[in-house]
């Protein structure tokens, strides 16, 4: 499994569950994609808790991944990441579609997520996918210089 960018062959794109063998490639992307990345322990804990952790693969190339937590008639998107080299190519929409299919299969009636107020691009992607802002979580995310950043709470009815 590779975290180094190569052109993906669309005929080989697939989802596969995260295994411990995939953590190194995932962490390489997580650490370059975010100012406050999840830790390896966060992903290990998500696996141990039985959360849905799916990798979007093109051959051996990791394009992105998502982590979702099932709930009672809902699911919560905890992390969705497209490798920076593959952003702006529609892969986030592919993962959001897969997430919605999985959530429906779990009996979820809605999907929930939080996104940084400053992450305009991600908010626009979610809105184009049908998510709507339903609230604000004050000082939810770690920010710069010891400050914290608000999160927009978004929901998608299924």
N, C-alpha and C. Protein backbone atom coordinates (compact mmCIF):
# COMPACT_ATOMS: atom_id res chain seq x y z
N UNK A 1 0.86 -1.18 0.00
CA UNK A 1 0.00 0.00 0.00
C UNK A 1 0.90 1.22 0.00
N UNK A 2 0.58 2.17 -0.83
CA UNK A 2 1.43 3.33 -1.02
C UNK A 2 0.69 4.62 -0.68
N UNK A 3 1.41 5.54 -0.03
CA UNK A 3 0.85 6.86 0.24
C UNK A 3 1.39 7.88 -0.77
N UNK A 4 2.33 7.45 -1.61
CA UNK A 4 2.91 8.35 -2.60
C UNK A 4 1.96 8.44 -3.80
N UNK A 5 1.75 9.66 -4.32
CA UNK A 5 0.77 9.82 -5.39
C UNK A 5 1.23 9.21 -6.71
N UNK A 6 0.30 8.52 -7.34
CA UNK A 6 0.43 8.04 -8.70
C UNK A 6 -0.95 8.23 -9.31
N UNK A 7 -1.05 8.19 -10.61
CA UNK A 7 -2.36 8.35 -11.23
C UNK A 7 -3.20 7.11 -10.97
N UNK A 8 -4.39 7.28 -10.36
CA UNK A 8 -5.21 6.09 -10.11
C UNK A 8 -5.85 5.57 -11.38
N UNK A 9 -5.94 4.25 -11.48
CA UNK A 9 -6.64 3.60 -12.58
C UNK A 9 -8.07 3.39 -12.12
N UNK A 10 -9.00 4.14 -12.69
CA UNK A 10 -10.39 4.12 -12.23
C UNK A 10 -11.00 2.72 -12.28
N UNK A 11 -10.47 1.84 -13.13
CA UNK A 11 -11.04 0.49 -13.20
C UNK A 11 -10.69 -0.33 -11.96
N UNK A 12 -9.73 0.12 -11.18
CA UNK A 12 -9.29 -0.63 -10.01
C UNK A 12 -9.76 -0.02 -8.69
N UNK A 13 -10.52 1.05 -8.73
CA UNK A 13 -10.91 1.73 -7.49
C UNK A 13 -11.88 0.86 -6.70
N UNK A 14 -11.61 0.73 -5.40
CA UNK A 14 -12.42 -0.11 -4.53
C UNK A 14 -12.30 0.38 -3.09
N UNK A 15 -13.21 -0.07 -2.25
CA UNK A 15 -13.12 0.15 -0.82
C UNK A 15 -12.65 -1.12 -0.15
N UNK A 16 -11.87 -0.95 0.90
CA UNK A 16 -11.49 -2.09 1.72
C UNK A 16 -11.37 -1.61 3.16
N UNK A 17 -11.65 -2.50 4.11
CA UNK A 17 -11.56 -2.10 5.52
C UNK A 17 -10.11 -1.87 5.94
N UNK A 18 -9.93 -0.94 6.85
CA UNK A 18 -8.60 -0.70 7.40
C UNK A 18 -8.19 -1.89 8.24
N UNK A 19 -6.97 -2.34 8.04
CA UNK A 19 -6.34 -3.35 8.89
C UNK A 19 -5.08 -2.71 9.47
N UNK A 20 -4.51 -3.31 10.50
CA UNK A 20 -3.27 -2.74 11.05
C UNK A 20 -2.18 -2.55 9.99
N UNK A 21 -2.15 -3.38 8.96
CA UNK A 21 -1.15 -3.24 7.90
C UNK A 21 -1.31 -1.95 7.11
N UNK A 22 -2.51 -1.39 7.08
CA UNK A 22 -2.76 -0.17 6.33
C UNK A 22 -2.52 1.11 7.10
N UNK A 23 -2.19 0.99 8.38
CA UNK A 23 -2.06 2.19 9.22
C UNK A 23 -0.93 3.12 8.80
N UNK A 24 0.20 2.58 8.36
CA UNK A 24 1.32 3.46 8.01
C UNK A 24 0.96 4.38 6.85
N UNK A 25 0.36 3.83 5.79
CA UNK A 25 -0.03 4.66 4.64
C UNK A 25 -1.10 5.66 5.03
N UNK A 26 -2.06 5.22 5.85
CA UNK A 26 -3.12 6.13 6.31
C UNK A 26 -2.51 7.27 7.13
N UNK A 27 -1.61 6.95 8.05
CA UNK A 27 -1.02 7.98 8.91
C UNK A 27 -0.17 8.96 8.10
N UNK A 28 0.48 8.50 7.05
CA UNK A 28 1.27 9.40 6.20
C UNK A 28 0.36 10.46 5.59
N UNK A 29 -0.86 10.07 5.19
CA UNK A 29 -1.80 11.03 4.62
C UNK A 29 -2.38 11.91 5.72
N UNK A 30 -2.81 11.31 6.82
CA UNK A 30 -3.42 12.07 7.92
C UNK A 30 -2.51 13.19 8.39
N UNK A 31 -1.21 12.89 8.50
CA UNK A 31 -0.27 13.87 9.05
C UNK A 31 0.03 15.02 8.09
N UNK A 32 -0.11 14.80 6.78
CA UNK A 32 0.11 15.92 5.86
C UNK A 32 -1.18 16.66 5.55
N UNK A 33 -2.33 16.02 5.78
CA UNK A 33 -3.61 16.62 5.41
C UNK A 33 -4.14 17.59 6.47
N UNK A 34 -3.70 17.45 7.72
CA UNK A 34 -4.32 18.22 8.81
C UNK A 34 -3.28 18.91 9.70
N UNK A 35 -3.68 20.08 10.20
CA UNK A 35 -2.85 20.77 11.18
C UNK A 35 -2.92 20.08 12.54
N UNK A 36 -4.04 19.40 12.81
CA UNK A 36 -4.25 18.66 14.06
C UNK A 36 -4.72 17.24 13.71
N UNK A 37 -3.79 16.40 13.23
CA UNK A 37 -4.20 15.07 12.76
C UNK A 37 -4.61 14.14 13.91
N UNK A 38 -5.43 13.16 13.54
CA UNK A 38 -5.69 12.07 14.47
C UNK A 38 -4.38 11.34 14.73
N UNK A 39 -4.29 10.70 15.87
CA UNK A 39 -3.12 9.89 16.19
C UNK A 39 -3.35 8.45 15.73
N UNK A 40 -2.28 7.71 15.66
CA UNK A 40 -2.38 6.28 15.36
C UNK A 40 -3.32 5.61 16.38
N UNK A 41 -3.22 6.03 17.63
CA UNK A 41 -4.07 5.49 18.68
C UNK A 41 -5.54 5.76 18.43
N UNK A 42 -5.87 6.94 17.87
CA UNK A 42 -7.27 7.24 17.54
C UNK A 42 -7.82 6.23 16.54
N UNK A 43 -7.03 5.89 15.54
CA UNK A 43 -7.49 4.93 14.53
C UNK A 43 -7.57 3.52 15.11
N UNK A 44 -6.61 3.15 15.93
CA UNK A 44 -6.64 1.83 16.58
C UNK A 44 -7.87 1.73 17.48
N UNK A 45 -8.15 2.80 18.23
CA UNK A 45 -9.35 2.81 19.08
C UNK A 45 -10.63 2.69 18.26
N UNK A 46 -10.67 3.37 17.10
CA UNK A 46 -11.86 3.30 16.24
C UNK A 46 -12.07 1.87 15.75
N UNK A 47 -11.00 1.19 15.37
CA UNK A 47 -11.11 -0.20 14.96
C UNK A 47 -11.59 -1.08 16.11
N UNK A 48 -10.99 -0.88 17.28
CA UNK A 48 -11.36 -1.69 18.45
C UNK A 48 -12.82 -1.48 18.84
N UNK A 49 -13.34 -0.27 18.62
CA UNK A 49 -14.72 0.04 18.97
C UNK A 49 -15.72 -0.50 17.93
N UNK A 50 -15.20 -1.01 16.82
CA UNK A 50 -16.08 -1.53 15.79
C UNK A 50 -16.62 -0.49 14.84
N UNK A 51 -15.98 0.68 14.80
CA UNK A 51 -16.41 1.71 13.87
C UNK A 51 -16.11 1.28 12.44
N UNK A 52 -16.81 1.90 11.50
CA UNK A 52 -16.60 1.64 10.09
C UNK A 52 -15.38 2.46 9.64
N UNK A 53 -14.31 1.79 9.26
CA UNK A 53 -13.10 2.47 8.79
C UNK A 53 -12.78 1.88 7.42
N UNK A 54 -13.05 2.66 6.38
CA UNK A 54 -12.89 2.19 5.01
C UNK A 54 -11.82 2.99 4.29
N UNK A 55 -11.01 2.27 3.51
CA UNK A 55 -9.98 2.87 2.67
C UNK A 55 -10.47 2.88 1.23
N UNK A 56 -10.27 3.99 0.54
CA UNK A 56 -10.55 4.07 -0.89
C UNK A 56 -9.24 3.83 -1.61
N UNK A 57 -9.18 2.73 -2.34
CA UNK A 57 -7.94 2.29 -2.97
C UNK A 57 -8.05 2.32 -4.49
N UNK A 58 -6.95 2.61 -5.15
CA UNK A 58 -6.81 2.45 -6.60
C UNK A 58 -5.57 1.59 -6.79
N UNK A 59 -5.78 0.31 -7.03
CA UNK A 59 -4.65 -0.62 -7.03
C UNK A 59 -4.09 -0.67 -5.62
N UNK A 60 -2.82 -0.36 -5.48
CA UNK A 60 -2.20 -0.31 -4.15
C UNK A 60 -2.11 1.12 -3.61
N UNK A 61 -2.66 2.07 -4.35
CA UNK A 61 -2.60 3.49 -3.99
C UNK A 61 -3.76 3.87 -3.08
N UNK A 62 -3.47 4.44 -1.92
CA UNK A 62 -4.50 4.93 -1.00
C UNK A 62 -4.92 6.33 -1.43
N UNK A 63 -6.19 6.45 -1.85
CA UNK A 63 -6.73 7.74 -2.28
C UNK A 63 -7.34 8.51 -1.12
N UNK A 64 -7.93 7.79 -0.16
CA UNK A 64 -8.59 8.44 0.97
C UNK A 64 -9.21 7.41 1.89
N UNK A 65 -9.91 7.90 2.89
CA UNK A 65 -10.50 7.01 3.89
C UNK A 65 -11.57 7.76 4.66
N UNK A 66 -12.44 6.98 5.32
CA UNK A 66 -13.40 7.58 6.23
C UNK A 66 -13.59 6.69 7.45
N UNK A 67 -13.97 7.33 8.55
CA UNK A 67 -14.28 6.66 9.80
C UNK A 67 -15.67 7.10 10.21
N UNK A 68 -16.55 6.14 10.48
CA UNK A 68 -17.93 6.46 10.88
C UNK A 68 -18.33 5.59 12.06
N UNK A 69 -19.13 6.18 12.93
CA UNK A 69 -19.61 5.51 14.13
C UNK A 69 -21.10 5.26 13.98
N UNK A 70 -21.51 4.00 14.11
CA UNK A 70 -22.95 3.73 14.06
C UNK A 70 -23.62 4.17 15.36
N UNK A 71 -24.88 4.54 15.24
CA UNK A 71 -25.67 4.91 16.42
C UNK A 71 -27.07 4.34 16.26
N UNK A 72 -27.96 4.75 17.12
CA UNK A 72 -29.35 4.30 17.04
C UNK A 72 -30.05 5.13 15.96
N UNK A 73 -30.33 4.50 14.85
CA UNK A 73 -30.99 5.12 13.70
C UNK A 73 -30.24 6.33 13.14
N UNK A 74 -28.95 6.39 13.41
CA UNK A 74 -28.11 7.44 12.83
C UNK A 74 -26.68 6.94 12.77
N UNK A 75 -25.87 7.65 12.01
CA UNK A 75 -24.44 7.38 11.95
C UNK A 75 -23.73 8.73 12.01
N UNK A 76 -22.50 8.70 12.51
CA UNK A 76 -21.74 9.92 12.71
C UNK A 76 -20.41 9.79 11.98
N UNK A 77 -20.18 10.69 11.02
CA UNK A 77 -18.91 10.72 10.31
C UNK A 77 -17.88 11.39 11.22
N UNK A 78 -16.82 10.66 11.54
CA UNK A 78 -15.81 11.19 12.45
C UNK A 78 -14.59 11.73 11.71
N UNK A 79 -14.26 11.14 10.57
CA UNK A 79 -13.09 11.57 9.81
C UNK A 79 -13.30 11.15 8.37
N UNK A 80 -13.06 12.06 7.46
CA UNK A 80 -13.04 11.74 6.03
C UNK A 80 -11.88 12.53 5.44
N UNK A 81 -11.03 11.84 4.71
CA UNK A 81 -9.82 12.46 4.20
C UNK A 81 -9.53 11.95 2.80
N UNK A 82 -9.29 12.88 1.89
CA UNK A 82 -8.76 12.55 0.58
C UNK A 82 -7.30 12.95 0.60
N UNK A 83 -6.44 12.06 0.15
CA UNK A 83 -5.01 12.39 0.08
C UNK A 83 -4.84 13.68 -0.70
N UNK A 84 -4.03 14.63 -0.20
CA UNK A 84 -3.89 15.91 -0.88
C UNK A 84 -3.60 15.81 -2.38
N UNK A 85 -2.82 14.82 -2.80
CA UNK A 85 -2.50 14.67 -4.23
C UNK A 85 -3.71 14.31 -5.07
N UNK A 86 -4.80 13.84 -4.43
CA UNK A 86 -5.98 13.40 -5.18
C UNK A 86 -7.21 14.25 -4.89
N UNK A 87 -7.02 15.37 -4.22
CA UNK A 87 -8.15 16.26 -3.94
C UNK A 87 -8.61 16.94 -5.22
N UNK A 88 -9.87 17.39 -5.19
CA UNK A 88 -10.50 18.09 -6.31
C UNK A 88 -10.70 17.18 -7.53
N UNK A 89 -10.83 15.87 -7.26
CA UNK A 89 -11.07 14.90 -8.34
C UNK A 89 -12.37 14.13 -8.12
N UNK A 90 -13.15 14.51 -7.10
CA UNK A 90 -14.44 13.86 -6.86
C UNK A 90 -14.40 12.69 -5.90
N UNK A 91 -13.25 12.39 -5.33
CA UNK A 91 -13.16 11.22 -4.44
C UNK A 91 -13.93 11.42 -3.14
N UNK A 92 -14.05 12.64 -2.64
CA UNK A 92 -14.84 12.86 -1.42
C UNK A 92 -16.29 12.47 -1.67
N UNK A 93 -16.82 12.79 -2.83
CA UNK A 93 -18.21 12.43 -3.15
C UNK A 93 -18.37 10.91 -3.23
N UNK A 94 -17.38 10.24 -3.79
CA UNK A 94 -17.42 8.77 -3.85
C UNK A 94 -17.49 8.21 -2.43
N UNK A 95 -16.67 8.75 -1.53
CA UNK A 95 -16.67 8.26 -0.15
C UNK A 95 -17.96 8.62 0.58
N UNK A 96 -18.49 9.81 0.33
CA UNK A 96 -19.76 10.20 0.97
C UNK A 96 -20.91 9.32 0.49
N UNK A 97 -20.89 8.94 -0.79
CA UNK A 97 -21.90 8.01 -1.30
C UNK A 97 -21.78 6.65 -0.61
N UNK A 98 -20.56 6.15 -0.49
CA UNK A 98 -20.33 4.86 0.17
C UNK A 98 -20.75 4.92 1.63
N UNK A 99 -20.46 6.03 2.29
CA UNK A 99 -20.86 6.22 3.68
C UNK A 99 -22.38 6.15 3.82
N UNK A 100 -23.09 6.84 2.95
CA UNK A 100 -24.55 6.85 3.01
C UNK A 100 -25.12 5.46 2.78
N UNK A 101 -24.55 4.72 1.84
CA UNK A 101 -25.01 3.35 1.59
C UNK A 101 -24.80 2.47 2.82
N UNK A 102 -23.61 2.57 3.41
CA UNK A 102 -23.32 1.80 4.62
C UNK A 102 -24.29 2.18 5.73
N UNK A 103 -24.49 3.49 5.94
CA UNK A 103 -25.36 3.96 7.03
C UNK A 103 -26.79 3.45 6.84
N UNK A 104 -27.30 3.53 5.61
CA UNK A 104 -28.65 3.01 5.34
C UNK A 104 -28.72 1.52 5.66
N UNK A 105 -27.67 0.80 5.32
CA UNK A 105 -27.61 -0.63 5.61
C UNK A 105 -27.60 -0.93 7.10
N UNK A 106 -27.19 0.04 7.90
CA UNK A 106 -27.19 -0.10 9.36
C UNK A 106 -28.50 0.34 9.98
N UNK A 107 -29.43 0.79 9.13
CA UNK A 107 -30.73 1.25 9.63
C UNK A 107 -30.74 2.71 10.04
N UNK A 108 -29.70 3.45 9.65
CA UNK A 108 -29.63 4.88 10.01
C UNK A 108 -30.65 5.67 9.20
N UNK A 109 -31.26 6.65 9.86
CA UNK A 109 -32.19 7.56 9.20
C UNK A 109 -31.52 8.90 8.90
N UNK A 110 -30.34 9.11 9.49
CA UNK A 110 -29.61 10.36 9.25
C UNK A 110 -28.12 10.15 9.48
N UNK A 111 -27.36 11.03 8.86
CA UNK A 111 -25.91 11.09 9.06
C UNK A 111 -25.58 12.43 9.69
N UNK A 112 -24.59 12.45 10.58
CA UNK A 112 -24.17 13.65 11.27
C UNK A 112 -22.68 13.83 11.14
N UNK A 113 -22.22 15.07 11.21
CA UNK A 113 -20.79 15.36 11.20
C UNK A 113 -20.55 16.74 11.79
N UNK A 114 -19.30 16.98 12.16
CA UNK A 114 -18.84 18.31 12.52
C UNK A 114 -17.73 18.68 11.54
N UNK A 115 -17.64 19.96 11.24
CA UNK A 115 -16.60 20.46 10.35
C UNK A 115 -16.16 21.83 10.87
N UNK A 116 -14.87 22.09 10.77
CA UNK A 116 -14.36 23.38 11.22
C UNK A 116 -15.07 24.53 10.51
N UNK A 117 -15.39 25.57 11.24
CA UNK A 117 -16.00 26.76 10.65
C UNK A 117 -15.13 27.29 9.51
N UNK A 118 -13.81 27.22 9.67
CA UNK A 118 -12.90 27.77 8.67
C UNK A 118 -12.74 26.88 7.44
N UNK A 119 -13.25 25.65 7.47
CA UNK A 119 -13.06 24.72 6.36
C UNK A 119 -14.17 24.89 5.32
N UNK A 120 -14.13 26.00 4.64
CA UNK A 120 -15.15 26.36 3.66
C UNK A 120 -15.28 25.32 2.56
N UNK A 121 -14.16 24.83 2.06
CA UNK A 121 -14.20 23.86 0.96
C UNK A 121 -14.95 22.59 1.38
N UNK A 122 -14.64 22.06 2.55
CA UNK A 122 -15.33 20.85 3.01
C UNK A 122 -16.81 21.12 3.23
N UNK A 123 -17.12 22.27 3.80
CA UNK A 123 -18.53 22.61 4.01
C UNK A 123 -19.29 22.65 2.68
N UNK A 124 -18.66 23.20 1.66
CA UNK A 124 -19.30 23.26 0.34
C UNK A 124 -19.50 21.86 -0.24
N UNK A 125 -18.54 20.97 -0.05
CA UNK A 125 -18.67 19.59 -0.52
C UNK A 125 -19.86 18.93 0.18
N UNK A 126 -19.94 19.08 1.50
CA UNK A 126 -21.05 18.48 2.25
C UNK A 126 -22.39 19.06 1.79
N UNK A 127 -22.44 20.37 1.60
CA UNK A 127 -23.70 21.00 1.17
C UNK A 127 -24.11 20.49 -0.21
N UNK A 128 -23.16 20.36 -1.13
CA UNK A 128 -23.48 19.82 -2.46
C UNK A 128 -23.96 18.38 -2.37
N UNK A 129 -23.57 17.71 -1.32
CA UNK A 129 -23.98 16.31 -1.12
C UNK A 129 -25.32 16.21 -0.37
N UNK A 130 -25.88 17.35 0.03
CA UNK A 130 -27.19 17.35 0.67
C UNK A 130 -27.19 17.59 2.17
N UNK A 131 -26.02 17.71 2.76
CA UNK A 131 -25.95 18.00 4.20
C UNK A 131 -26.37 19.45 4.45
N UNK A 132 -26.99 19.69 5.59
CA UNK A 132 -27.42 21.03 5.98
C UNK A 132 -26.88 21.35 7.37
N UNK A 133 -26.52 22.62 7.55
CA UNK A 133 -26.05 23.08 8.86
C UNK A 133 -27.22 23.07 9.83
N UNK A 134 -27.00 22.49 11.01
CA UNK A 134 -28.08 22.41 11.99
C UNK A 134 -27.66 22.96 13.36
N UNK A 135 -26.41 23.36 13.48
CA UNK A 135 -25.98 23.89 14.77
C UNK A 135 -24.51 24.24 14.77
N UNK A 136 -24.06 24.67 15.93
CA UNK A 136 -22.67 25.10 16.11
C UNK A 136 -22.17 24.55 17.44
N UNK A 137 -20.98 23.96 17.42
CA UNK A 137 -20.34 23.53 18.66
C UNK A 137 -19.19 24.51 18.94
N UNK A 138 -19.35 25.28 19.99
CA UNK A 138 -18.36 26.30 20.33
C UNK A 138 -17.06 25.65 20.81
N UNK A 139 -15.95 26.17 20.31
CA UNK A 139 -14.60 25.76 20.73
C UNK A 139 -14.41 24.25 20.67
N UNK A 140 -14.89 23.63 19.63
CA UNK A 140 -14.89 22.17 19.49
C UNK A 140 -13.51 21.63 19.08
N UNK A 141 -12.85 22.32 18.15
CA UNK A 141 -11.59 21.83 17.61
C UNK A 141 -10.39 22.58 18.20
N UNK A 142 -9.24 21.89 18.33
CA UNK A 142 -8.03 22.63 18.68
C UNK A 142 -7.67 23.57 17.54
N UNK A 143 -7.18 24.73 17.91
CA UNK A 143 -6.80 25.72 16.91
C UNK A 143 -5.34 26.09 17.06
N UNK A 144 -4.99 27.25 16.55
CA UNK A 144 -3.61 27.72 16.63
C UNK A 144 -3.41 28.55 17.89
N UNK A 145 -2.19 28.62 18.33
CA UNK A 145 -1.80 29.45 19.47
C UNK A 145 -2.63 29.16 20.72
N UNK A 146 -2.98 27.89 20.93
CA UNK A 146 -3.74 27.52 22.12
C UNK A 146 -5.21 27.88 22.06
N UNK A 147 -5.63 28.49 20.98
CA UNK A 147 -7.05 28.83 20.82
C UNK A 147 -7.81 27.61 20.31
N UNK A 148 -9.13 27.71 20.33
CA UNK A 148 -9.99 26.64 19.83
C UNK A 148 -10.88 27.20 18.73
N UNK A 149 -11.38 26.32 17.90
CA UNK A 149 -12.21 26.72 16.76
C UNK A 149 -13.59 26.07 16.86
N UNK A 150 -14.60 26.83 16.48
CA UNK A 150 -15.96 26.31 16.47
C UNK A 150 -16.14 25.28 15.35
N UNK A 151 -17.13 24.42 15.54
CA UNK A 151 -17.50 23.43 14.52
C UNK A 151 -18.93 23.67 14.10
N UNK A 152 -19.17 23.55 12.79
CA UNK A 152 -20.52 23.55 12.27
C UNK A 152 -21.01 22.11 12.32
N UNK A 153 -22.19 21.90 12.90
CA UNK A 153 -22.81 20.57 12.93
C UNK A 153 -23.70 20.48 11.70
N UNK A 154 -23.51 19.38 10.94
CA UNK A 154 -24.28 19.19 9.72
C UNK A 154 -24.97 17.84 9.76
N UNK A 155 -26.11 17.75 9.09
CA UNK A 155 -26.87 16.51 9.07
C UNK A 155 -27.42 16.26 7.67
N UNK A 156 -27.54 14.97 7.34
CA UNK A 156 -28.11 14.54 6.08
C UNK A 156 -29.21 13.52 6.39
N UNK A 157 -30.46 13.83 6.06
CA UNK A 157 -31.50 12.81 6.23
C UNK A 157 -31.31 11.72 5.19
N UNK A 158 -31.49 10.49 5.62
CA UNK A 158 -31.36 9.35 4.69
C UNK A 158 -32.74 8.85 4.36
